[in-house]
Amino acid sequence: MRKILFGVIITLVVLFTFKYCGDRKEDKIILQENTALIQEQIKNVGKLVVTEGHFSEVFSYKNSKALFGNFIEAEKKALVVVNADVTIAYDLSRIEYQIDEATKTLRILSIPKEEIKISPDFEYYDIQADFLNQFEAKDYNEIKKTVNISLMKKIEASDLKSNAKNRLISELAKFYILTNSLGWTLEYNENPIRSPEAFQDIKL
């Protein structure tokens, strides 16, 4: 009788051990699959062009040069019409993140700053230049530099950057939806993200 009871106990222990090891192996496979899925999702985001805008500006350029001890002043001027397309993008492939499998946590460590691209089209009108003060390459470069500075001020004063941030947040919310569906936790700068709207309250 003891031999039979001992045999039953041994059999139960063996079955439990196999089941426990099998469950642990299955859990590990699922964990690895979830980790790979999260990594692939972040990798696939790539560069995100979140908003576009168009600006027009009329710029009056004038340059004077004193000659012969200020006895003669040579002047050049032009009227410049600028039409510029502006795009704001985030290269989300450069997101720095950390995956903690032990705690099932995706930690976003940093998000790259927005990339502002200005594509201006210049049209020159009423170009006038004295013989001793002709237009040179440096004049056109100075015009482009001045226009770009002016356009950047207009961009800062517009709602383009805030629109871009809202679009970015909607994309980041996808990470929350993914991690939440897998039973993982999402963190940004050590702050847990408990809802898609939580990104609105953090400083990007």
C-alpha atoms as a PDB file:
ATOM      1  CA  MET A   1       0.000   0.000   0.000  1.00  0.00           C
ATOM      2  CA  ARG A   2       2.840   2.346   0.871  1.00  0.00           C
ATOM      3  CA  LYS A   3       4.536   1.600  -2.428  1.00  0.00           C
ATOM      4  CA  ILE A   4       1.345   2.461  -4.312  1.00  0.00           C
ATOM      5  CA  LEU A   5       0.883   5.712  -2.344  1.00  0.00           C
ATOM      6  CA  PHE A   6       4.527   6.618  -2.848  1.00  0.00           C
ATOM      7  CA  GLY A   7       4.199   5.931  -6.572  1.00  0.00           C
ATOM      8  CA  VAL A   8       1.117   8.155  -6.814  1.00  0.00           C
ATOM      9  CA  ILE A   9       2.922  10.990  -5.017  1.00  0.00           C
ATOM     10  CA  ILE A  10       5.964  10.678  -7.282  1.00  0.00           C
ATOM     11  CA  THR A  11       3.698  10.692 -10.351  1.00  0.00           C
ATOM     12  CA  LEU A  12       1.868  13.830  -9.152  1.00  0.00           C
ATOM     13  CA  VAL A  13       5.172  15.602  -8.424  1.00  0.00           C
ATOM     14  CA  VAL A  14       6.499  14.746 -11.887  1.00  0.00           C
ATOM     15  CA  LEU A  15       3.281  15.895 -13.585  1.00  0.00           C
ATOM     16  CA  PHE A  16       3.255  19.142 -11.567  1.00  0.00           C
ATOM     17  CA  THR A  17       6.907  19.798 -12.412  1.00  0.00           C
ATOM     18  CA  PHE A  18       6.317  19.266 -16.119  1.00  0.00           C
ATOM     19  CA  LYS A  19       3.230  21.503 -16.034  1.00  0.00           C
ATOM     20  CA  TYR A  20       5.058  24.222 -14.085  1.00  0.00           C
ATOM     21  CA  CYS A  21       8.033  24.179 -16.443  1.00  0.00           C
ATOM     22  CA  GLY A  22       5.694  24.156 -19.428  1.00  0.00           C
ATOM     23  CA  ASP A  23       3.776  27.188 -18.135  1.00  0.00           C
ATOM     24  CA  ARG A  24       7.019  29.030 -17.399  1.00  0.00           C
ATOM     25  CA  LYS A  25       8.286  28.308 -20.910  1.00  0.00           C
ATOM     26  CA  GLU A  26       5.000  29.460 -22.450  1.00  0.00           C
ATOM     27  CA  ASP A  27       5.050  32.672 -20.365  1.00  0.00           C
ATOM     28  CA  LYS A  28       8.615  33.355 -21.489  1.00  0.00           C
ATOM     29  CA  ILE A  29       7.678  32.862 -25.150  1.00  0.00           C
ATOM     30  CA  ILE A  30       4.719  35.251 -24.801  1.00  0.00           C
ATOM     31  CA  LEU A  31       6.957  37.806 -23.035  1.00  0.00           C
ATOM     32  CA  GLN A  32       9.520  37.616 -25.842  1.00  0.00           C
ATOM     33  CA  GLU A  33       6.793  37.948 -28.471  1.00  0.00           C
ATOM     34  CA  ASN A  34       5.349  41.026 -26.734  1.00  0.00           C
ATOM     35  CA  THR A  35       8.827  42.576 -26.448  1.00  0.00           C
ATOM     36  CA  ALA A  36       9.489  41.997 -30.150  1.00  0.00           C
ATOM     37  CA  LEU A  37       6.087  43.468 -31.034  1.00  0.00           C
ATOM     38  CA  ILE A  38       6.779  46.645 -29.043  1.00  0.00           C
ATOM     39  CA  GLN A  39      10.243  47.034 -30.585  1.00  0.00           C
ATOM     40  CA  GLU A  40       8.836  46.542 -34.084  1.00  0.00           C
ATOM     41  CA  GLN A  41       6.090  49.106 -33.455  1.00  0.00           C
ATOM     42  CA  ILE A  42       8.614  51.745 -32.361  1.00  0.00           C
ATOM     43  CA  LYS A  43      10.905  50.894 -35.280  1.00  0.00           C
ATOM     44  CA  ASN A  44       8.098  51.244 -37.822  1.00  0.00           C
ATOM     45  CA  VAL A  45       7.060  54.742 -36.741  1.00  0.00           C
ATOM     46  CA  GLY A  46       9.941  56.427 -38.589  1.00  0.00           C
ATOM     47  CA  LYS A  47       9.833  60.110 -39.495  1.00  0.00           C
ATOM     48  CA  LEU A  48       6.489  61.683 -38.790  1.00  0.00           C
ATOM     49  CA  VAL A  49       5.583  64.832 -40.753  1.00  0.00           C
ATOM     50  CA  VAL A  50       2.917  66.165 -38.467  1.00  0.00           C
ATOM     51  CA  THR A  51       1.999  69.528 -39.933  1.00  0.00           C
ATOM     52  CA  GLU A  52       2.541  71.785 -42.919  1.00  0.00           C
ATOM     53  CA  GLY A  53       2.106  75.498 -43.471  1.00  0.00           C
ATOM     54  CA  HIS A  54       2.562  78.204 -46.074  1.00  0.00           C
ATOM     55  CA  PHE A  55       3.879  81.729 -45.561  1.00  0.00           C
ATOM     56  CA  SER A  56       4.226  84.702 -47.895  1.00  0.00           C
ATOM     57  CA  GLU A  57       6.328  87.766 -47.286  1.00  0.00           C
ATOM     58  CA  VAL A  58       7.397  90.880 -49.174  1.00  0.00           C
ATOM     59  CA  PHE A  59      10.881  92.012 -48.256  1.00  0.00           C
ATOM     60  CA  SER A  60      12.606  95.253 -49.262  1.00  0.00           C
ATOM     61  CA  TYR A  61      16.372  94.936 -49.490  1.00  0.00           C
ATOM     62  CA  LYS A  62      18.656  97.983 -49.535  1.00  0.00           C
ATOM     63  CA  ASN A  63      22.420  98.331 -49.287  1.00  0.00           C
ATOM     64  CA  SER A  64      24.549 101.447 -49.506  1.00  0.00           C
ATOM     65  CA  LYS A  65      28.299 101.732 -49.832  1.00  0.00           C
ATOM     66  CA  ALA A  66      30.273 104.912 -49.145  1.00  0.00           C
ATOM     67  CA  LEU A  67      33.087 105.581 -51.623  1.00  0.00           C
ATOM     68  CA  PHE A  68      35.961 108.062 -51.831  1.00  0.00           C
ATOM     69  CA  GLY A  69      35.771 109.106 -48.215  1.00  0.00           C
ATOM     70  CA  ASN A  70      31.968 109.329 -48.064  1.00  0.00           C
ATOM     71  CA  PHE A  71      31.862 111.730 -51.044  1.00  0.00           C
ATOM     72  CA  ILE A  72      29.925 109.229 -53.136  1.00  0.00           C
ATOM     73  CA  GLU A  73      27.265 106.764 -52.005  1.00  0.00           C
ATOM     74  CA  ALA A  74      26.603 103.761 -54.224  1.00  0.00           C
ATOM     75  CA  GLU A  75      23.237 102.140 -53.585  1.00  0.00           C
ATOM     76  CA  LYS A  76      21.562  98.893 -54.559  1.00  0.00           C
ATOM     77  CA  LYS A  77      18.078  97.691 -53.722  1.00  0.00           C
ATOM     78  CA  ALA A  78      15.489  95.105 -54.642  1.00  0.00           C
ATOM     79  CA  LEU A  79      11.965  94.068 -53.813  1.00  0.00           C
ATOM     80  CA  VAL A  80      11.771  90.409 -52.867  1.00  0.00           C
ATOM     81  CA  VAL A  81       8.576  88.325 -52.746  1.00  0.00           C
ATOM     82  CA  VAL A  82       8.942  85.092 -50.779  1.00  0.00           C
ATOM     83  CA  ASN A  83       6.539  82.147 -50.793  1.00  0.00           C
ATOM     84  CA  ALA A  84       7.629  79.457 -48.355  1.00  0.00           C
ATOM     85  CA  ASP A  85       6.353  75.990 -47.535  1.00  0.00           C
ATOM     86  CA  VAL A  86       7.056  74.909 -43.970  1.00  0.00           C
ATOM     87  CA  THR A  87       6.950  71.393 -42.555  1.00  0.00           C
ATOM     88  CA  ILE A  88       7.373  70.288 -38.958  1.00  0.00           C
ATOM     89  CA  ALA A  89       8.404  66.683 -38.418  1.00  0.00           C
ATOM     90  CA  TYR A  90       9.557  64.346 -35.652  1.00  0.00           C
ATOM     91  CA  ASP A  91      12.038  61.567 -36.351  1.00  0.00           C
ATOM     92  CA  LEU A  92      10.483  59.044 -33.989  1.00  0.00           C
ATOM     93  CA  SER A  93      12.989  56.390 -35.043  1.00  0.00           C
ATOM     94  CA  ARG A  94      15.378  58.298 -32.759  1.00  0.00           C
ATOM     95  CA  ILE A  95      13.220  57.765 -29.675  1.00  0.00           C
ATOM     96  CA  GLU A  96      15.349  56.535 -26.787  1.00  0.00           C
ATOM     97  CA  TYR A  97      13.579  53.803 -24.865  1.00  0.00           C
ATOM     98  CA  GLN A  98      14.136  50.930 -22.499  1.00  0.00           C
ATOM     99  CA  ILE A  99      12.189  47.688 -22.225  1.00  0.00           C
ATOM    100  CA  ASP A 100      12.053  46.086 -18.785  1.00  0.00           C
ATOM    101  CA  GLU A 101      10.760  42.555 -19.277  1.00  0.00           C
ATOM    102  CA  ALA A 102      10.875  41.772 -15.562  1.00  0.00           C
ATOM    103  CA  THR A 103       8.291  44.445 -14.753  1.00  0.00           C
ATOM    104  CA  LYS A 104       6.687  44.508 -18.222  1.00  0.00           C
ATOM    105  CA  THR A 105       7.440  48.200 -18.592  1.00  0.00           C
ATOM    106  CA  LEU A 106       8.227  50.272 -21.668  1.00  0.00           C
ATOM    107  CA  ARG A 107      10.160  53.374 -20.625  1.00  0.00           C
ATOM    108  CA  ILE A 108      10.406  56.229 -23.122  1.00  0.00           C
ATOM    109  CA  LEU A 109      13.566  58.064 -22.072  1.00  0.00           C
ATOM    110  CA  SER A 110      13.589  60.904 -24.588  1.00  0.00           C
ATOM    111  CA  ILE A 111      11.737  62.129 -27.672  1.00  0.00           C
ATOM    112  CA  PRO A 112      13.663  64.015 -30.390  1.00  0.00           C
ATOM    113  CA  LYS A 113      12.879  67.691 -30.890  1.00  0.00           C
ATOM    114  CA  GLU A 114      10.822  68.784 -33.826  1.00  0.00           C
ATOM    115  CA  GLU A 115      12.547  69.380 -37.157  1.00  0.00           C
ATOM    116  CA  ILE A 116      11.437  72.558 -38.916  1.00  0.00           C
ATOM    117  CA  LYS A 117      12.087  72.673 -42.651  1.00  0.00           C
ATOM    118  CA  ILE A 118      11.573  75.895 -44.589  1.00  0.00           C
ATOM    119  CA  SER A 119      11.470  75.713 -48.388  1.00  0.00           C
ATOM    120  CA  PRO A 120      11.351  79.301 -49.685  1.00  0.00           C
ATOM    121  CA  ASP A 121      10.808  80.411 -53.270  1.00  0.00           C
ATOM    122  CA  PHE A 122      12.324  83.845 -54.003  1.00  0.00           C
ATOM    123  CA  GLU A 123      11.152  86.239 -56.701  1.00  0.00           C
ATOM    124  CA  TYR A 124      13.137  89.450 -57.230  1.00  0.00           C
ATOM    125  CA  TYR A 125      11.538  92.636 -58.556  1.00  0.00           C
ATOM    126  CA  ASP A 126      12.723  96.185 -59.219  1.00  0.00           C
ATOM    127  CA  ILE A 127      16.404  95.328 -58.879  1.00  0.00           C
ATOM    128  CA  GLN A 128      18.473  98.516 -58.983  1.00  0.00           C
ATOM    129  CA  ALA A 129      22.225  98.763 -58.488  1.00  0.00           C
ATOM    130  CA  ASP A 130      24.824 101.458 -59.054  1.00  0.00           C
ATOM    131  CA  PHE A 131      27.822 100.580 -61.220  1.00  0.00           C
ATOM    132  CA  LEU A 132      30.164 100.687 -58.220  1.00  0.00           C
ATOM    133  CA  ASN A 133      27.890  98.589 -55.977  1.00  0.00           C
ATOM    134  CA  GLN A 134      26.594  95.638 -57.964  1.00  0.00           C
ATOM    135  CA  PHE A 135      24.588  92.708 -56.575  1.00  0.00           C
ATOM    136  CA  GLU A 136      26.844  89.839 -55.476  1.00  0.00           C
ATOM    137  CA  ALA A 137      26.333  86.334 -54.088  1.00  0.00           C
ATOM    138  CA  LYS A 138      26.708  87.621 -50.530  1.00  0.00           C
ATOM    139  CA  ASP A 139      23.722  89.944 -51.068  1.00  0.00           C
ATOM    140  CA  TYR A 140      21.461  87.031 -52.034  1.00  0.00           C
ATOM    141  CA  ASN A 141      22.781  85.024 -49.093  1.00  0.00           C
ATOM    142  CA  GLU A 142      22.045  87.925 -46.761  1.00  0.00           C
ATOM    143  CA  ILE A 143      18.510  88.186 -48.145  1.00  0.00           C
ATOM    144  CA  LYS A 144      17.926  84.450 -47.588  1.00  0.00           C
ATOM    145  CA  LYS A 145      19.324  84.631 -44.048  1.00  0.00           C
ATOM    146  CA  THR A 146      17.130  87.611 -43.158  1.00  0.00           C
ATOM    147  CA  VAL A 147      14.019  86.020 -44.656  1.00  0.00           C
ATOM    148  CA  ASN A 148      14.613  82.734 -42.804  1.00  0.00           C
ATOM    149  CA  ILE A 149      14.927  84.592 -39.487  1.00  0.00           C
ATOM    150  CA  SER A 150      11.703  86.475 -40.218  1.00  0.00           C
ATOM    151  CA  LEU A 151       9.890  83.260 -41.177  1.00  0.00           C
ATOM    152  CA  MET A 152      11.049  81.510 -38.004  1.00  0.00           C
ATOM    153  CA  LYS A 153       9.530  84.350 -35.958  1.00  0.00           C
ATOM    154  CA  LYS A 154       6.253  83.917 -37.847  1.00  0.00           C
ATOM    155  CA  ILE A 155       6.318  80.169 -37.228  1.00  0.00           C
ATOM    156  CA  GLU A 156       6.885  80.700 -33.503  1.00  0.00           C
ATOM    157  CA  ALA A 157       3.952  83.148 -33.402  1.00  0.00           C
ATOM    158  CA  SER A 158       1.646  80.808 -35.336  1.00  0.00           C
ATOM    159  CA  ASP A 159      -0.143  77.686 -34.125  1.00  0.00           C
ATOM    160  CA  LEU A 160       1.956  75.354 -36.299  1.00  0.00           C
ATOM    161  CA  LYS A 161       4.120  74.118 -33.426  1.00  0.00           C
ATOM    162  CA  SER A 162       1.165  73.530 -31.108  1.00  0.00           C
ATOM    163  CA  ASN A 163      -0.637  71.644 -33.895  1.00  0.00           C
ATOM    164  CA  ALA A 164       2.503  69.581 -34.429  1.00  0.00           C
ATOM    165  CA  LYS A 165       2.664  68.724 -30.724  1.00  0.00           C
ATOM    166  CA  ASN A 166      -0.978  67.600 -30.751  1.00  0.00           C
ATOM    167  CA  ARG A 167      -0.308  65.346 -33.719  1.00  0.00           C
ATOM    168  CA  LEU A 168       2.768  63.949 -31.967  1.00  0.00           C
ATOM    169  CA  ILE A 169       0.756  63.189 -28.828  1.00  0.00           C
ATOM    170  CA  SER A 170      -1.835  61.304 -30.886  1.00  0.00           C
ATOM    171  CA  GLU A 171       0.969  59.120 -32.262  1.00  0.00           C
ATOM    172  CA  LEU A 172       2.514  58.550 -28.831  1.00  0.00           C
ATOM    173  CA  ALA A 173      -0.908  57.518 -27.549  1.00  0.00           C
ATOM    174  CA  LYS A 174      -0.621  54.477 -29.827  1.00  0.00           C
ATOM    175  CA  PHE A 175       2.242  53.240 -27.655  1.00  0.00           C
ATOM    176  CA  TYR A 176      -0.039  53.433 -24.631  1.00  0.00           C
ATOM    177  CA  ILE A 177      -2.796  51.530 -26.428  1.00  0.00           C
ATOM    178  CA  LEU A 178      -0.314  48.821 -27.465  1.00  0.00           C
ATOM    179  CA  THR A 179       1.328  48.380 -24.058  1.00  0.00           C
ATOM    180  CA  ASN A 180      -2.006  48.525 -22.240  1.00  0.00           C
ATOM    181  CA  SER A 181      -3.485  45.827 -24.486  1.00  0.00           C
ATOM    182  CA  LEU A 182      -0.506  43.582 -23.674  1.00  0.00           C
ATOM    183  CA  GLY A 183      -0.765  44.200 -19.931  1.00  0.00           C
ATOM    184  CA  TRP A 184       2.399  46.292 -19.881  1.00  0.00           C
ATOM    185  CA  THR A 185       3.086  49.688 -18.254  1.00  0.00           C
ATOM    186  CA  LEU A 186       4.186  52.764 -20.240  1.00  0.00           C
ATOM    187  CA  GLU A 187       6.426  55.393 -18.632  1.00  0.00           C
ATOM    188  CA  TYR A 188       7.872  58.679 -19.863  1.00  0.00           C
ATOM    189  CA  ASN A 189      10.662  60.323 -17.838  1.00  0.00           C
ATOM    190  CA  GLU A 190       9.864  57.952 -14.964  1.00  0.00           C
ATOM    191  CA  ASN A 191       6.221  59.076 -14.917  1.00  0.00           C
ATOM    192  CA  PRO A 192       3.611  56.345 -15.539  1.00  0.00           C
ATOM    193  CA  ILE A 193       1.257  57.051 -18.434  1.00  0.00           C
ATOM    194  CA  ARG A 194      -2.192  55.901 -17.316  1.00  0.00           C
ATOM    195  CA  SER A 195      -4.233  57.192 -20.269  1.00  0.00           C
ATOM    196  CA  PRO A 196      -3.690  58.539 -23.799  1.00  0.00           C
ATOM    197  CA  GLU A 197      -4.601  62.015 -22.517  1.00  0.00           C
ATOM    198  CA  ALA A 198      -1.755  61.904 -19.970  1.00  0.00           C
ATOM    199  CA  PHE A 199       0.715  62.971 -22.676  1.00  0.00           C
ATOM    200  CA  GLN A 200      -1.024  66.367 -22.707  1.00  0.00           C
ATOM    201  CA  ASP A 201       0.273  67.075 -19.196  1.00  0.00           C
ATOM    202  CA  ILE A 202       3.933  66.201 -19.737  1.00  0.00           C
ATOM    203  CA  LYS A 203       6.638  68.451 -21.109  1.00  0.00           C
ATOM    204  CA  LEU A 204       7.960  67.130 -24.406  1.00  0.00           C
END
